[in-house]
Amino acid sequence: MKPLSPGPARVLKAIIDLQARREHVTLRSIGRECGITSTSTIHLHIRALNRTGLISVGPQPRYAYVVMPEGHDAANE
């Protein structure tokens, strides 16, 4: 897998940090965590992370971001 660009990498780190603190992982909380104000931009980064299999987006994507274990391919589920 090729390295993440800076935007998706910041969003992934924000999701991991929020989950570690057991906080709700929403578009706005991700934005506050990584300094991105546009929810549209955050959503684009989340879609990119989902396509690469680094996160899985649940049926209610507002709160359902799950960081996948390394080597797991969520795209094939």
N, C-alpha and C. Protein backbone atom coordinates (compact mmCIF):
# COMPACT_ATOMS: atom_id res chain seq x y z
N MET A 1 0.85 -1.17 0.00
CA MET A 1 0.00 0.00 0.00
C MET A 1 0.90 1.24 0.00
N LYS A 2 0.53 2.23 -0.81
CA LYS A 2 1.33 3.45 -0.84
C LYS A 2 1.01 4.32 0.37
N PRO A 3 1.93 5.19 0.76
CA PRO A 3 1.73 6.02 1.96
C PRO A 3 0.52 6.94 1.79
N LEU A 4 -0.11 7.25 2.91
CA LEU A 4 -1.25 8.17 2.89
C LEU A 4 -0.79 9.59 2.63
N SER A 5 -1.62 10.35 1.95
CA SER A 5 -1.34 11.78 1.82
C SER A 5 -1.63 12.44 3.17
N PRO A 6 -1.17 13.67 3.38
CA PRO A 6 -1.29 14.30 4.70
C PRO A 6 -2.72 14.43 5.23
N GLY A 7 -3.68 14.75 4.38
CA GLY A 7 -5.06 14.93 4.84
C GLY A 7 -5.66 13.67 5.43
N PRO A 8 -5.72 12.57 4.67
CA PRO A 8 -6.25 11.33 5.23
C PRO A 8 -5.45 10.84 6.44
N ALA A 9 -4.15 11.06 6.45
CA ALA A 9 -3.33 10.64 7.59
C ALA A 9 -3.74 11.39 8.85
N ARG A 10 -4.00 12.70 8.73
CA ARG A 10 -4.44 13.50 9.89
C ARG A 10 -5.80 13.02 10.38
N VAL A 11 -6.70 12.72 9.45
CA VAL A 11 -8.04 12.26 9.83
C VAL A 11 -7.96 10.89 10.51
N LEU A 12 -7.14 9.99 9.99
CA LEU A 12 -6.98 8.68 10.62
C LEU A 12 -6.43 8.81 12.03
N LYS A 13 -5.43 9.66 12.22
CA LYS A 13 -4.88 9.88 13.56
C LYS A 13 -5.94 10.46 14.49
N ALA A 14 -6.75 11.39 13.99
CA ALA A 14 -7.81 11.98 14.81
C ALA A 14 -8.82 10.92 15.25
N ILE A 15 -9.21 10.04 14.33
CA ILE A 15 -10.16 8.97 14.65
C ILE A 15 -9.58 8.06 15.73
N ILE A 16 -8.32 7.67 15.56
CA ILE A 16 -7.66 6.80 16.53
C ILE A 16 -7.60 7.47 17.90
N ASP A 17 -7.23 8.75 17.92
CA ASP A 17 -7.12 9.49 19.19
C ASP A 17 -8.48 9.64 19.87
N LEU A 18 -9.52 9.96 19.10
CA LEU A 18 -10.86 10.10 19.67
C LEU A 18 -11.36 8.78 20.24
N GLN A 19 -11.14 7.69 19.51
CA GLN A 19 -11.56 6.38 19.99
C GLN A 19 -10.79 5.99 21.25
N ALA A 20 -9.52 6.34 21.32
CA ALA A 20 -8.70 6.01 22.49
C ALA A 20 -9.24 6.72 23.73
N ARG A 21 -9.78 7.93 23.54
CA ARG A 21 -10.35 8.69 24.66
C ARG A 21 -11.84 8.37 24.86
N ARG A 22 -12.36 7.42 24.06
CA ARG A 22 -13.76 7.00 24.13
C ARG A 22 -14.74 8.16 23.90
N GLU A 23 -14.37 9.03 22.97
CA GLU A 23 -15.24 10.15 22.60
C GLU A 23 -16.00 9.77 21.34
N HIS A 24 -17.12 10.46 21.11
CA HIS A 24 -17.87 10.24 19.87
C HIS A 24 -17.00 10.66 18.69
N VAL A 25 -17.00 9.84 17.66
CA VAL A 25 -16.22 10.14 16.46
C VAL A 25 -17.21 10.62 15.40
N THR A 26 -17.34 11.93 15.31
CA THR A 26 -18.23 12.56 14.32
C THR A 26 -17.37 13.39 13.37
N LEU A 27 -17.97 13.84 12.29
CA LEU A 27 -17.24 14.70 11.36
C LEU A 27 -16.71 15.94 12.07
N ARG A 28 -17.55 16.54 12.90
CA ARG A 28 -17.13 17.76 13.59
C ARG A 28 -16.05 17.49 14.64
N SER A 29 -16.16 16.37 15.36
CA SER A 29 -15.12 16.07 16.36
C SER A 29 -13.79 15.74 15.68
N ILE A 30 -13.86 15.08 14.53
CA ILE A 30 -12.64 14.82 13.77
C ILE A 30 -12.04 16.15 13.32
N GLY A 31 -12.88 17.04 12.83
CA GLY A 31 -12.41 18.35 12.39
C GLY A 31 -11.74 19.14 13.50
N ARG A 32 -12.35 19.14 14.69
CA ARG A 32 -11.74 19.83 15.83
C ARG A 32 -10.40 19.22 16.18
N GLU A 33 -10.33 17.89 16.13
CA GLU A 33 -9.12 17.17 16.51
C GLU A 33 -7.95 17.45 15.55
N CYS A 34 -8.25 17.56 14.26
CA CYS A 34 -7.14 17.71 13.31
C CYS A 34 -7.09 19.09 12.64
N GLY A 35 -7.96 20.01 13.06
CA GLY A 35 -7.88 21.37 12.56
C GLY A 35 -8.46 21.60 11.17
N ILE A 36 -9.40 20.77 10.77
CA ILE A 36 -10.08 20.94 9.47
C ILE A 36 -11.50 21.42 9.76
N THR A 37 -11.88 22.55 9.17
CA THR A 37 -13.21 23.09 9.45
C THR A 37 -14.29 22.60 8.49
N SER A 38 -13.91 22.17 7.32
CA SER A 38 -14.88 21.74 6.31
C SER A 38 -15.26 20.28 6.51
N THR A 39 -16.54 20.03 6.84
CA THR A 39 -16.99 18.64 6.99
C THR A 39 -16.96 17.90 5.65
N SER A 40 -17.10 18.63 4.57
CA SER A 40 -17.02 18.02 3.24
C SER A 40 -15.62 17.47 3.00
N THR A 41 -14.60 18.23 3.38
CA THR A 41 -13.22 17.77 3.22
C THR A 41 -12.96 16.55 4.09
N ILE A 42 -13.46 16.57 5.32
CA ILE A 42 -13.29 15.43 6.22
C ILE A 42 -13.94 14.20 5.62
N HIS A 43 -15.15 14.38 5.08
CA HIS A 43 -15.86 13.26 4.46
C HIS A 43 -15.07 12.68 3.28
N LEU A 44 -14.46 13.53 2.48
CA LEU A 44 -13.64 13.05 1.36
C LEU A 44 -12.46 12.21 1.87
N HIS A 45 -11.83 12.67 2.95
CA HIS A 45 -10.71 11.91 3.53
C HIS A 45 -11.19 10.58 4.09
N ILE A 46 -12.37 10.57 4.71
CA ILE A 46 -12.94 9.33 5.25
C ILE A 46 -13.24 8.36 4.12
N ARG A 47 -13.78 8.84 3.02
CA ARG A 47 -14.04 7.96 1.87
C ARG A 47 -12.75 7.37 1.34
N ALA A 48 -11.68 8.16 1.31
CA ALA A 48 -10.38 7.66 0.84
C ALA A 48 -9.86 6.59 1.79
N LEU A 49 -9.98 6.81 3.10
CA LEU A 49 -9.53 5.83 4.09
C LEU A 49 -10.35 4.54 3.99
N ASN A 50 -11.64 4.68 3.73
CA ASN A 50 -12.50 3.51 3.58
C ASN A 50 -12.12 2.71 2.33
N ARG A 51 -11.83 3.40 1.24
CA ARG A 51 -11.42 2.72 0.00
C ARG A 51 -10.12 1.96 0.18
N THR A 52 -9.21 2.49 0.98
CA THR A 52 -7.93 1.81 1.19
C THR A 52 -8.04 0.69 2.22
N GLY A 53 -9.18 0.60 2.92
CA GLY A 53 -9.36 -0.46 3.90
C GLY A 53 -8.82 -0.14 5.27
N LEU A 54 -8.39 1.11 5.49
CA LEU A 54 -7.85 1.48 6.80
C LEU A 54 -8.94 1.71 7.83
N ILE A 55 -10.12 2.10 7.38
CA ILE A 55 -11.27 2.21 8.28
C ILE A 55 -12.46 1.54 7.61
N SER A 56 -13.43 1.23 8.43
CA SER A 56 -14.69 0.70 7.93
C SER A 56 -15.78 1.65 8.38
N VAL A 57 -16.66 2.01 7.46
CA VAL A 57 -17.76 2.92 7.78
C VAL A 57 -19.01 2.09 7.95
N GLY A 58 -19.63 2.22 9.13
CA GLY A 58 -20.81 1.43 9.45
C GLY A 58 -22.06 1.93 8.76
N PRO A 59 -23.21 1.29 9.05
CA PRO A 59 -24.46 1.65 8.40
C PRO A 59 -24.93 3.06 8.74
N GLN A 60 -24.56 3.56 9.91
CA GLN A 60 -24.86 4.95 10.26
C GLN A 60 -23.52 5.68 10.33
N PRO A 61 -23.03 6.18 9.21
CA PRO A 61 -21.67 6.72 9.17
C PRO A 61 -21.43 7.92 10.08
N ARG A 62 -22.48 8.48 10.65
CA ARG A 62 -22.26 9.64 11.50
C ARG A 62 -21.35 9.31 12.69
N TYR A 63 -21.47 8.12 13.25
CA TYR A 63 -20.66 7.74 14.40
C TYR A 63 -19.87 6.46 14.18
N ALA A 64 -20.03 5.79 13.07
CA ALA A 64 -19.56 4.42 12.93
C ALA A 64 -18.27 4.30 12.12
N TYR A 65 -17.20 4.87 12.63
CA TYR A 65 -15.91 4.72 11.98
C TYR A 65 -15.09 3.74 12.80
N VAL A 66 -14.62 2.69 12.18
CA VAL A 66 -13.85 1.67 12.87
C VAL A 66 -12.50 1.54 12.20
N VAL A 67 -11.44 1.72 12.98
CA VAL A 67 -10.09 1.57 12.45
C VAL A 67 -9.82 0.09 12.32
N MET A 68 -9.40 -0.33 11.14
CA MET A 68 -9.17 -1.74 10.86
C MET A 68 -7.77 -2.14 11.27
N PRO A 69 -7.59 -3.37 11.74
CA PRO A 69 -6.25 -3.83 12.09
C PRO A 69 -5.35 -3.82 10.86
N GLU A 70 -4.07 -3.63 11.08
CA GLU A 70 -3.12 -3.59 9.98
C GLU A 70 -3.16 -4.90 9.20
N GLY A 71 -3.20 -4.79 7.90
CA GLY A 71 -3.26 -5.97 7.05
C GLY A 71 -4.66 -6.44 6.74
N HIS A 72 -5.67 -5.88 7.38
CA HIS A 72 -7.05 -6.28 7.14
C HIS A 72 -7.59 -5.52 5.94
N ASP A 73 -8.27 -6.18 5.04
CA ASP A 73 -8.79 -5.54 3.84
C ASP A 73 -10.30 -5.41 3.96
N ALA A 74 -10.77 -4.24 4.40
CA ALA A 74 -12.20 -4.00 4.59
C ALA A 74 -12.92 -3.92 3.24
N ALA A 75 -12.21 -3.61 2.19
CA ALA A 75 -12.85 -3.47 0.88
C ALA A 75 -13.40 -4.80 0.38
N ASN A 76 -12.89 -5.92 0.88
CA ASN A 76 -13.35 -7.21 0.41
C ASN A 76 -14.39 -7.84 1.31
N GLU A 77 -14.96 -7.08 2.23
CA GLU A 77 -16.00 -7.61 3.13
C GLU A 77 -17.37 -7.31 2.59
